Amino acid sequence: MSVNKFKKHILVVCEDAKNREIVNGFLLHPSIQSRAIQVLPEVGGWRKVVESFEQVHSAEMNRYPNRYVVLILDFDNDLERRQRIQQAIPDHLSDRVAIFGSAGEPEDFSKQRIGTTENVGRGLADDCFDGNRLVWNDDLLCHNLPEIDRVGGTLKTILFD
């Protein structure tokens, strides 16, 4: 489903199919405003997520001031990756771009018996809606908490209001 470019909305760029499964689980929350979010086809690697942002989404965000972009990727146990990616985001757009992902790979959720990627997405949506951090506090996701503190409130008002 496409969004109204002139109202506040979120575009989601996913690294791969497993990350998209997390987002799909998130979108199953009954209170999600489905017209406020659009998940784009996965791009095939975290570097391609960054390239996609730099080559396409950055310019579009300049044209559409109500657009927010969420980048979903694997951190592959490189928790400095977020800071390197943030350097590719122009300062005037940084408040409208969020970077989330598992510390390793999404496949690690089932290995650690947290659940399927879709169930993790559902839990993350519940946390966002309820203002909790039950799933976000997991070892594979807790590195995202500063990002939640930085942009979570804004994204929540777009997704759930």
N, C-alpha and C. Protein backbone atom coordinates (compact mmCIF):
# COMPACT_ATOMS: atom_id res chain seq x y z
N MET A 1 0.85 -1.17 0.00
CA MET A 1 0.00 0.00 0.00
C MET A 1 0.90 1.24 0.00
N SER A 2 0.54 2.22 -0.78
CA SER A 2 1.34 3.44 -0.80
C SER A 2 0.79 4.45 0.20
N VAL A 3 1.64 5.37 0.55
CA VAL A 3 1.30 6.37 1.55
C VAL A 3 0.97 7.70 0.87
N ASN A 4 0.35 8.58 1.63
CA ASN A 4 0.11 9.93 1.16
C ASN A 4 1.38 10.73 1.46
N LYS A 5 2.09 11.15 0.43
CA LYS A 5 3.37 11.82 0.58
C LYS A 5 3.28 13.16 1.28
N PHE A 6 2.08 13.70 1.38
CA PHE A 6 1.91 15.02 1.96
C PHE A 6 1.49 14.98 3.43
N LYS A 7 1.25 13.77 3.95
CA LYS A 7 0.98 13.59 5.38
C LYS A 7 2.16 12.84 5.98
N LYS A 8 2.32 12.94 7.29
CA LYS A 8 3.43 12.24 7.92
C LYS A 8 3.32 10.75 7.63
N HIS A 9 4.44 10.19 7.18
CA HIS A 9 4.47 8.78 6.83
C HIS A 9 5.89 8.23 6.98
N ILE A 10 5.99 6.92 6.96
CA ILE A 10 7.27 6.23 7.14
C ILE A 10 7.50 5.29 5.98
N LEU A 11 8.70 5.37 5.40
CA LEU A 11 9.15 4.37 4.44
C LEU A 11 10.15 3.49 5.16
N VAL A 12 10.03 2.18 4.95
CA VAL A 12 10.93 1.23 5.58
C VAL A 12 11.77 0.56 4.50
N VAL A 13 13.09 0.63 4.68
CA VAL A 13 14.03 -0.02 3.77
C VAL A 13 14.66 -1.17 4.53
N CYS A 14 14.43 -2.40 4.07
CA CYS A 14 14.95 -3.59 4.73
C CYS A 14 16.13 -4.16 3.96
N GLU A 15 17.07 -4.67 4.73
CA GLU A 15 18.25 -5.31 4.14
C GLU A 15 17.89 -6.59 3.38
N ASP A 16 17.09 -7.44 4.01
CA ASP A 16 16.81 -8.74 3.40
C ASP A 16 15.44 -9.26 3.84
N ALA A 17 15.10 -10.47 3.38
CA ALA A 17 13.79 -11.04 3.65
C ALA A 17 13.55 -11.29 5.14
N LYS A 18 14.57 -11.70 5.87
CA LYS A 18 14.40 -11.95 7.31
C LYS A 18 14.06 -10.66 8.05
N ASN A 19 14.70 -9.56 7.69
CA ASN A 19 14.37 -8.28 8.30
C ASN A 19 12.96 -7.85 7.92
N ARG A 20 12.58 -8.14 6.70
CA ARG A 20 11.23 -7.80 6.27
C ARG A 20 10.19 -8.61 7.05
N GLU A 21 10.52 -9.85 7.41
CA GLU A 21 9.61 -10.66 8.22
C GLU A 21 9.37 -10.00 9.58
N ILE A 22 10.42 -9.41 10.15
CA ILE A 22 10.25 -8.70 11.41
C ILE A 22 9.27 -7.54 11.23
N VAL A 23 9.47 -6.78 10.16
CA VAL A 23 8.59 -5.64 9.87
C VAL A 23 7.16 -6.13 9.62
N ASN A 24 7.02 -7.23 8.88
CA ASN A 24 5.68 -7.77 8.63
C ASN A 24 4.99 -8.14 9.94
N GLY A 25 5.72 -8.73 10.88
CA GLY A 25 5.15 -9.03 12.18
C GLY A 25 4.74 -7.77 12.91
N PHE A 26 5.56 -6.73 12.83
CA PHE A 26 5.25 -5.44 13.44
C PHE A 26 3.94 -4.89 12.87
N LEU A 27 3.77 -5.01 11.57
CA LEU A 27 2.59 -4.45 10.90
C LEU A 27 1.29 -5.19 11.24
N LEU A 28 1.40 -6.35 11.87
CA LEU A 28 0.21 -7.09 12.26
C LEU A 28 -0.48 -6.50 13.49
N HIS A 29 0.17 -5.56 14.15
CA HIS A 29 -0.45 -4.94 15.32
C HIS A 29 -1.77 -4.30 14.90
N PRO A 30 -2.84 -4.55 15.64
CA PRO A 30 -4.16 -4.06 15.22
C PRO A 30 -4.32 -2.54 15.20
N SER A 31 -3.45 -1.81 15.89
CA SER A 31 -3.59 -0.35 15.94
C SER A 31 -2.70 0.39 14.95
N ILE A 32 -1.94 -0.33 14.15
CA ILE A 32 -1.07 0.32 13.15
C ILE A 32 -1.92 1.06 12.13
N GLN A 33 -1.51 2.27 11.84
CA GLN A 33 -2.15 3.05 10.77
C GLN A 33 -1.49 2.65 9.45
N SER A 34 -2.09 1.69 8.77
CA SER A 34 -1.45 1.10 7.58
C SER A 34 -1.22 2.10 6.45
N ARG A 35 -1.96 3.17 6.43
CA ARG A 35 -1.76 4.19 5.38
C ARG A 35 -0.60 5.13 5.71
N ALA A 36 0.02 4.94 6.89
CA ALA A 36 1.12 5.80 7.31
C ALA A 36 2.48 5.14 7.14
N ILE A 37 2.50 3.90 6.64
CA ILE A 37 3.77 3.19 6.51
C ILE A 37 3.80 2.38 5.22
N GLN A 38 4.95 2.40 4.58
CA GLN A 38 5.14 1.61 3.36
C GLN A 38 6.48 0.89 3.47
N VAL A 39 6.43 -0.42 3.30
CA VAL A 39 7.64 -1.23 3.34
C VAL A 39 8.08 -1.47 1.90
N LEU A 40 9.29 -1.04 1.61
CA LEU A 40 9.83 -1.18 0.26
C LEU A 40 10.46 -2.57 0.09
N PRO A 41 10.64 -3.01 -1.14
CA PRO A 41 11.30 -4.31 -1.35
C PRO A 41 12.70 -4.32 -0.74
N GLU A 42 13.09 -5.48 -0.20
CA GLU A 42 14.42 -5.58 0.40
C GLU A 42 15.49 -5.35 -0.66
N VAL A 43 16.61 -4.79 -0.22
CA VAL A 43 17.64 -4.34 -1.17
C VAL A 43 18.84 -5.27 -1.27
N GLY A 44 19.04 -6.19 -0.32
CA GLY A 44 20.09 -7.18 -0.46
C GLY A 44 21.43 -6.82 0.15
N GLY A 45 21.45 -6.41 1.39
CA GLY A 45 22.70 -6.13 2.09
C GLY A 45 22.67 -4.78 2.77
N TRP A 46 23.37 -4.68 3.90
CA TRP A 46 23.32 -3.43 4.66
C TRP A 46 23.94 -2.28 3.88
N ARG A 47 24.97 -2.55 3.10
CA ARG A 47 25.57 -1.48 2.30
C ARG A 47 24.59 -0.95 1.25
N LYS A 48 23.76 -1.85 0.73
CA LYS A 48 22.75 -1.42 -0.25
C LYS A 48 21.63 -0.62 0.42
N VAL A 49 21.38 -0.89 1.68
CA VAL A 49 20.43 -0.06 2.44
C VAL A 49 20.94 1.37 2.46
N VAL A 50 22.23 1.52 2.77
CA VAL A 50 22.83 2.86 2.82
C VAL A 50 22.85 3.50 1.44
N GLU A 51 23.23 2.74 0.42
CA GLU A 51 23.25 3.27 -0.95
C GLU A 51 21.86 3.71 -1.38
N SER A 52 20.87 2.91 -1.06
CA SER A 52 19.48 3.25 -1.40
C SER A 52 19.09 4.56 -0.75
N PHE A 53 19.47 4.73 0.52
CA PHE A 53 19.16 5.98 1.19
C PHE A 53 19.86 7.14 0.50
N GLU A 54 21.15 6.99 0.25
CA GLU A 54 21.94 8.09 -0.33
C GLU A 54 21.48 8.45 -1.74
N GLN A 55 21.16 7.44 -2.55
CA GLN A 55 20.87 7.68 -3.96
C GLN A 55 19.41 8.01 -4.24
N VAL A 56 18.50 7.59 -3.37
CA VAL A 56 17.07 7.78 -3.65
C VAL A 56 16.37 8.55 -2.53
N HIS A 57 16.42 8.01 -1.34
CA HIS A 57 15.55 8.49 -0.26
C HIS A 57 15.95 9.84 0.30
N SER A 58 17.23 10.13 0.31
CA SER A 58 17.68 11.43 0.82
C SER A 58 17.06 12.57 0.01
N ALA A 59 17.14 12.48 -1.30
CA ALA A 59 16.57 13.52 -2.17
C ALA A 59 15.06 13.60 -2.03
N GLU A 60 14.41 12.43 -1.92
CA GLU A 60 12.95 12.43 -1.76
C GLU A 60 12.53 13.04 -0.43
N MET A 61 13.33 12.83 0.61
CA MET A 61 13.00 13.43 1.90
C MET A 61 13.09 14.95 1.83
N ASN A 62 13.98 15.46 1.00
CA ASN A 62 14.05 16.91 0.81
C ASN A 62 12.78 17.44 0.15
N ARG A 63 12.21 16.66 -0.75
CA ARG A 63 10.98 17.06 -1.44
C ARG A 63 9.74 16.88 -0.57
N TYR A 64 9.78 15.88 0.31
CA TYR A 64 8.60 15.55 1.13
C TYR A 64 8.97 15.68 2.61
N PRO A 65 8.74 16.84 3.19
CA PRO A 65 9.15 17.07 4.58
C PRO A 65 8.39 16.24 5.62
N ASN A 66 7.33 15.57 5.21
CA ASN A 66 6.59 14.70 6.12
C ASN A 66 7.03 13.25 6.03
N ARG A 67 8.09 12.98 5.28
CA ARG A 67 8.60 11.62 5.12
C ARG A 67 9.66 11.31 6.17
N TYR A 68 9.50 10.14 6.75
CA TYR A 68 10.48 9.57 7.68
C TYR A 68 10.95 8.26 7.06
N VAL A 69 12.19 7.90 7.29
CA VAL A 69 12.73 6.66 6.74
C VAL A 69 13.30 5.83 7.88
N VAL A 70 12.95 4.55 7.87
CA VAL A 70 13.48 3.60 8.85
C VAL A 70 14.31 2.58 8.07
N LEU A 71 15.56 2.45 8.45
CA LEU A 71 16.48 1.50 7.83
C LEU A 71 16.59 0.29 8.75
N ILE A 72 16.27 -0.89 8.23
CA ILE A 72 16.31 -2.13 9.01
C ILE A 72 17.41 -3.01 8.43
N LEU A 73 18.39 -3.34 9.27
CA LEU A 73 19.54 -4.10 8.78
C LEU A 73 20.13 -4.97 9.88
N ASP A 74 21.01 -5.86 9.50
CA ASP A 74 21.77 -6.67 10.45
C ASP A 74 23.00 -5.88 10.85
N PHE A 75 23.33 -5.92 12.13
CA PHE A 75 24.56 -5.27 12.57
C PHE A 75 25.74 -6.23 12.52
N ASP A 76 25.48 -7.51 12.30
CA ASP A 76 26.55 -8.50 12.13
C ASP A 76 27.61 -8.39 13.23
N ASN A 77 27.15 -8.14 14.45
CA ASN A 77 28.03 -8.00 15.62
C ASN A 77 29.03 -6.85 15.48
N ASP A 78 28.69 -5.87 14.67
CA ASP A 78 29.51 -4.66 14.50
C ASP A 78 28.65 -3.48 14.94
N LEU A 79 28.64 -3.23 16.24
CA LEU A 79 27.73 -2.21 16.78
C LEU A 79 28.19 -0.79 16.48
N GLU A 80 29.34 -0.62 15.86
CA GLU A 80 29.78 0.70 15.40
C GLU A 80 29.15 1.04 14.05
N ARG A 81 28.51 0.06 13.44
CA ARG A 81 27.92 0.25 12.11
C ARG A 81 26.92 1.40 12.10
N ARG A 82 26.11 1.52 13.14
CA ARG A 82 25.11 2.59 13.19
C ARG A 82 25.78 3.95 13.04
N GLN A 83 26.87 4.17 13.77
CA GLN A 83 27.56 5.47 13.70
C GLN A 83 28.11 5.73 12.29
N ARG A 84 28.62 4.69 11.65
CA ARG A 84 29.14 4.88 10.28
C ARG A 84 28.00 5.20 9.31
N ILE A 85 26.87 4.55 9.50
CA ILE A 85 25.72 4.82 8.63
C ILE A 85 25.20 6.24 8.88
N GLN A 86 25.15 6.65 10.13
CA GLN A 86 24.66 7.98 10.46
C GLN A 86 25.49 9.08 9.78
N GLN A 87 26.74 8.80 9.51
CA GLN A 87 27.58 9.77 8.82
C GLN A 87 27.13 9.99 7.38
N ALA A 88 26.41 9.03 6.82
CA ALA A 88 25.90 9.16 5.45
C ALA A 88 24.58 9.94 5.40
N ILE A 89 24.03 10.26 6.56
CA ILE A 89 22.75 10.95 6.62
C ILE A 89 23.00 12.45 6.83
N PRO A 90 22.52 13.28 5.91
CA PRO A 90 22.71 14.72 6.08
C PRO A 90 22.11 15.20 7.41
N ASP A 91 22.77 16.14 8.04
CA ASP A 91 22.35 16.63 9.35
C ASP A 91 20.90 17.08 9.35
N HIS A 92 20.46 17.76 8.29
CA HIS A 92 19.10 18.29 8.29
C HIS A 92 18.03 17.19 8.17
N LEU A 93 18.44 15.94 7.88
CA LEU A 93 17.50 14.84 7.79
C LEU A 93 17.60 13.86 8.96
N SER A 94 18.61 14.02 9.78
CA SER A 94 18.90 13.00 10.80
C SER A 94 17.74 12.77 11.77
N ASP A 95 16.94 13.78 12.04
CA ASP A 95 15.80 13.59 12.94
C ASP A 95 14.67 12.78 12.31
N ARG A 96 14.76 12.56 11.01
CA ARG A 96 13.71 11.83 10.30
C ARG A 96 14.19 10.47 9.78
N VAL A 97 15.35 10.03 10.23
CA VAL A 97 15.88 8.73 9.82
C VAL A 97 16.22 7.92 11.06
N ALA A 98 15.76 6.68 11.08
CA ALA A 98 16.06 5.77 12.18
C ALA A 98 16.72 4.52 11.62
N ILE A 99 17.62 3.95 12.42
CA ILE A 99 18.35 2.75 12.02
C ILE A 99 18.13 1.70 13.11
N PHE A 100 17.53 0.58 12.73
CA PHE A 100 17.26 -0.51 13.68
C PHE A 100 17.74 -1.83 13.10
N GLY A 101 18.00 -2.77 13.99
CA GLY A 101 18.34 -4.11 13.53
C GLY A 101 18.83 -4.99 14.67
N SER A 102 18.98 -6.26 14.36
CA SER A 102 19.49 -7.20 15.35
C SER A 102 21.00 -7.04 15.48
N ALA A 103 21.52 -7.34 16.67
CA ALA A 103 22.96 -7.20 16.91
C ALA A 103 23.75 -8.12 15.98
N GLY A 104 23.23 -9.31 15.75
CA GLY A 104 23.87 -10.24 14.84
C GLY A 104 23.08 -10.31 13.55
N GLU A 105 22.30 -11.39 13.42
CA GLU A 105 21.42 -11.58 12.28
C GLU A 105 20.05 -12.00 12.80
N PRO A 106 18.99 -11.75 12.05
CA PRO A 106 17.65 -12.13 12.53
C PRO A 106 17.51 -13.63 12.81
N GLU A 107 18.29 -14.45 12.15
CA GLU A 107 18.23 -15.89 12.40
C GLU A 107 18.62 -16.21 13.85
N ASP A 108 19.34 -15.31 14.50
CA ASP A 108 19.75 -15.52 15.89
C ASP A 108 18.57 -15.54 16.85
N PHE A 109 17.45 -14.94 16.47
CA PHE A 109 16.28 -14.94 17.36
C PHE A 109 15.81 -16.36 17.64
N SER A 110 15.68 -17.17 16.59
CA SER A 110 15.22 -18.54 16.80
C SER A 110 16.30 -19.38 17.47
N LYS A 111 17.56 -19.11 17.20
CA LYS A 111 18.64 -19.86 17.86
C LYS A 111 18.64 -19.62 19.36
N GLN A 112 18.29 -18.41 19.77
CA GLN A 112 18.24 -18.09 21.20
C GLN A 112 16.84 -18.26 21.77
N ARG A 113 15.97 -18.88 21.00
CA ARG A 113 14.61 -19.23 21.42
C ARG A 113 13.77 -18.01 21.80
N ILE A 114 14.02 -16.91 21.11
CA ILE A 114 13.21 -15.71 21.33
C ILE A 114 11.91 -15.83 20.54
N GLY A 115 11.96 -16.49 19.41
CA GLY A 115 10.79 -16.69 18.58
C GLY A 115 11.12 -16.48 17.12
N THR A 116 10.10 -16.64 16.29
CA THR A 116 10.29 -16.40 14.87
C THR A 116 10.47 -14.91 14.63
N THR A 117 11.00 -14.57 13.48
CA THR A 117 11.19 -13.16 13.17
C THR A 117 9.85 -12.42 13.19
N GLU A 118 8.81 -13.06 12.70
CA GLU A 118 7.49 -12.42 12.70
C GLU A 118 7.01 -12.18 14.13
N ASN A 119 7.21 -13.15 15.01
CA ASN A 119 6.79 -12.98 16.41
C ASN A 119 7.61 -11.89 17.11
N VAL A 120 8.89 -11.79 16.76
CA VAL A 120 9.71 -10.71 17.31
C VAL A 120 9.12 -9.37 16.87
N GLY A 121 8.76 -9.26 15.60
CA GLY A 121 8.14 -8.02 15.10
C GLY A 121 6.85 -7.68 15.83
N ARG A 122 6.04 -8.69 16.09
CA ARG A 122 4.80 -8.47 16.85
C ARG A 122 5.11 -7.94 18.24
N GLY A 123 6.11 -8.55 18.88
CA GLY A 123 6.49 -8.11 20.23
C GLY A 123 7.02 -6.69 20.24
N LEU A 124 7.80 -6.34 19.22
CA LEU A 124 8.32 -4.97 19.13
C LEU A 124 7.19 -3.97 18.95
N ALA A 125 6.20 -4.33 18.16
CA ALA A 125 5.04 -3.44 17.97
C ALA A 125 4.27 -3.27 19.28
N ASP A 126 4.08 -4.39 20.01
CA ASP A 126 3.41 -4.30 21.31
C ASP A 126 4.18 -3.37 22.24
N ASP A 127 5.52 -3.53 22.27
CA ASP A 127 6.34 -2.66 23.10
C ASP A 127 6.16 -1.19 22.72
N CYS A 128 6.20 -0.92 21.44
CA CYS A 128 6.06 0.47 20.98
C CYS A 128 4.69 1.03 21.36
N PHE A 129 3.67 0.27 21.13
CA PHE A 129 2.32 0.72 21.41
C PHE A 129 2.10 0.95 22.91
N ASP A 130 2.60 0.02 23.72
CA ASP A 130 2.38 0.08 25.17
C ASP A 130 3.41 0.92 25.91
N GLY A 131 4.48 1.32 25.24
CA GLY A 131 5.53 2.07 25.90
C GLY A 131 6.44 1.19 26.75
N ASN A 132 6.47 -0.08 26.44
CA ASN A 132 7.32 -1.04 27.17
C ASN A 132 8.61 -1.30 26.39
N ARG A 133 9.47 -2.08 27.01
CA ARG A 133 10.72 -2.47 26.34
C ARG A 133 11.03 -3.93 26.59
N LEU A 134 10.00 -4.74 26.71
CA LEU A 134 10.21 -6.15 27.02
C LEU A 134 11.03 -6.85 25.95
N VAL A 135 10.66 -6.69 24.69
CA VAL A 135 11.39 -7.31 23.59
C VAL A 135 12.63 -6.49 23.26
N TRP A 136 12.49 -5.18 23.28
CA TRP A 136 13.64 -4.32 22.97
C TRP A 136 14.81 -4.55 23.92
N ASN A 137 14.55 -5.00 25.15
CA ASN A 137 15.61 -5.23 26.12
C ASN A 137 16.40 -6.51 25.89
N ASP A 138 15.98 -7.34 24.93
CA ASP A 138 16.71 -8.57 24.64
C ASP A 138 18.14 -8.24 24.18
N ASP A 139 19.06 -9.13 24.48
CA ASP A 139 20.47 -8.91 24.13
C ASP A 139 20.68 -8.63 22.64
N LEU A 140 19.84 -9.20 21.79
CA LEU A 140 19.99 -9.01 20.35
C LEU A 140 19.42 -7.68 19.86
N LEU A 141 18.68 -6.99 20.73
CA LEU A 141 18.01 -5.75 20.31
C LEU A 141 18.31 -4.54 21.19
N CYS A 142 18.87 -4.73 22.38
CA CYS A 142 19.01 -3.63 23.33
C CYS A 142 19.93 -2.51 22.82
N HIS A 143 20.80 -2.78 21.86
CA HIS A 143 21.64 -1.72 21.30
C HIS A 143 20.80 -0.68 20.54
N ASN A 144 19.53 -1.00 20.27
CA ASN A 144 18.62 -0.07 19.59
C ASN A 144 17.96 0.92 20.55
N LEU A 145 18.11 0.72 21.85
CA LEU A 145 17.40 1.57 22.82
C LEU A 145 17.74 3.05 22.69
N PRO A 146 18.99 3.44 22.45
CA PRO A 146 19.24 4.88 22.24
C PRO A 146 18.50 5.43 21.01
N GLU A 147 18.34 4.61 20.00
CA GLU A 147 17.60 5.04 18.80
C GLU A 147 16.12 5.17 19.13
N ILE A 148 15.60 4.27 19.95
CA ILE A 148 14.21 4.36 20.41
C ILE A 148 14.02 5.66 21.19
N ASP A 149 14.96 5.95 22.08
CA ASP A 149 14.87 7.19 22.85
C ASP A 149 14.91 8.42 21.94
N ARG A 150 15.70 8.34 20.88
CA ARG A 150 15.90 9.48 19.99
C ARG A 150 14.68 9.74 19.10
N VAL A 151 14.11 8.70 18.49
CA VAL A 151 13.05 8.91 17.50
C VAL A 151 11.77 8.12 17.76
N GLY A 152 11.78 7.28 18.78
CA GLY A 152 10.63 6.41 19.01
C GLY A 152 9.32 7.13 19.21
N GLY A 153 9.34 8.22 19.96
CA GLY A 153 8.10 8.96 20.21
C GLY A 153 7.48 9.50 18.93
N THR A 154 8.32 10.04 18.07
CA THR A 154 7.83 10.58 16.79
C THR A 154 7.25 9.48 15.92
N LEU A 155 7.98 8.37 15.81
CA LEU A 155 7.50 7.26 14.97
C LEU A 155 6.21 6.68 15.52
N LYS A 156 6.12 6.62 16.85
CA LYS A 156 4.90 6.08 17.47
C LYS A 156 3.68 6.94 17.13
N THR A 157 3.84 8.25 17.15
CA THR A 157 2.67 9.09 16.85
C THR A 157 2.24 8.93 15.40
N ILE A 158 3.17 8.65 14.51
CA ILE A 158 2.81 8.44 13.11
C ILE A 158 2.12 7.09 12.93
N LEU A 159 2.66 6.08 13.59
CA LEU A 159 2.17 4.71 13.38
C LEU A 159 0.87 4.39 14.12
N PHE A 160 0.68 4.98 15.29
CA PHE A 160 -0.43 4.54 16.15
C PHE A 160 -1.48 5.61 16.42
N ASP A 161 -1.31 6.84 15.98
CA ASP A 161 -2.32 7.87 16.25
C ASP A 161 -3.43 7.85 15.23
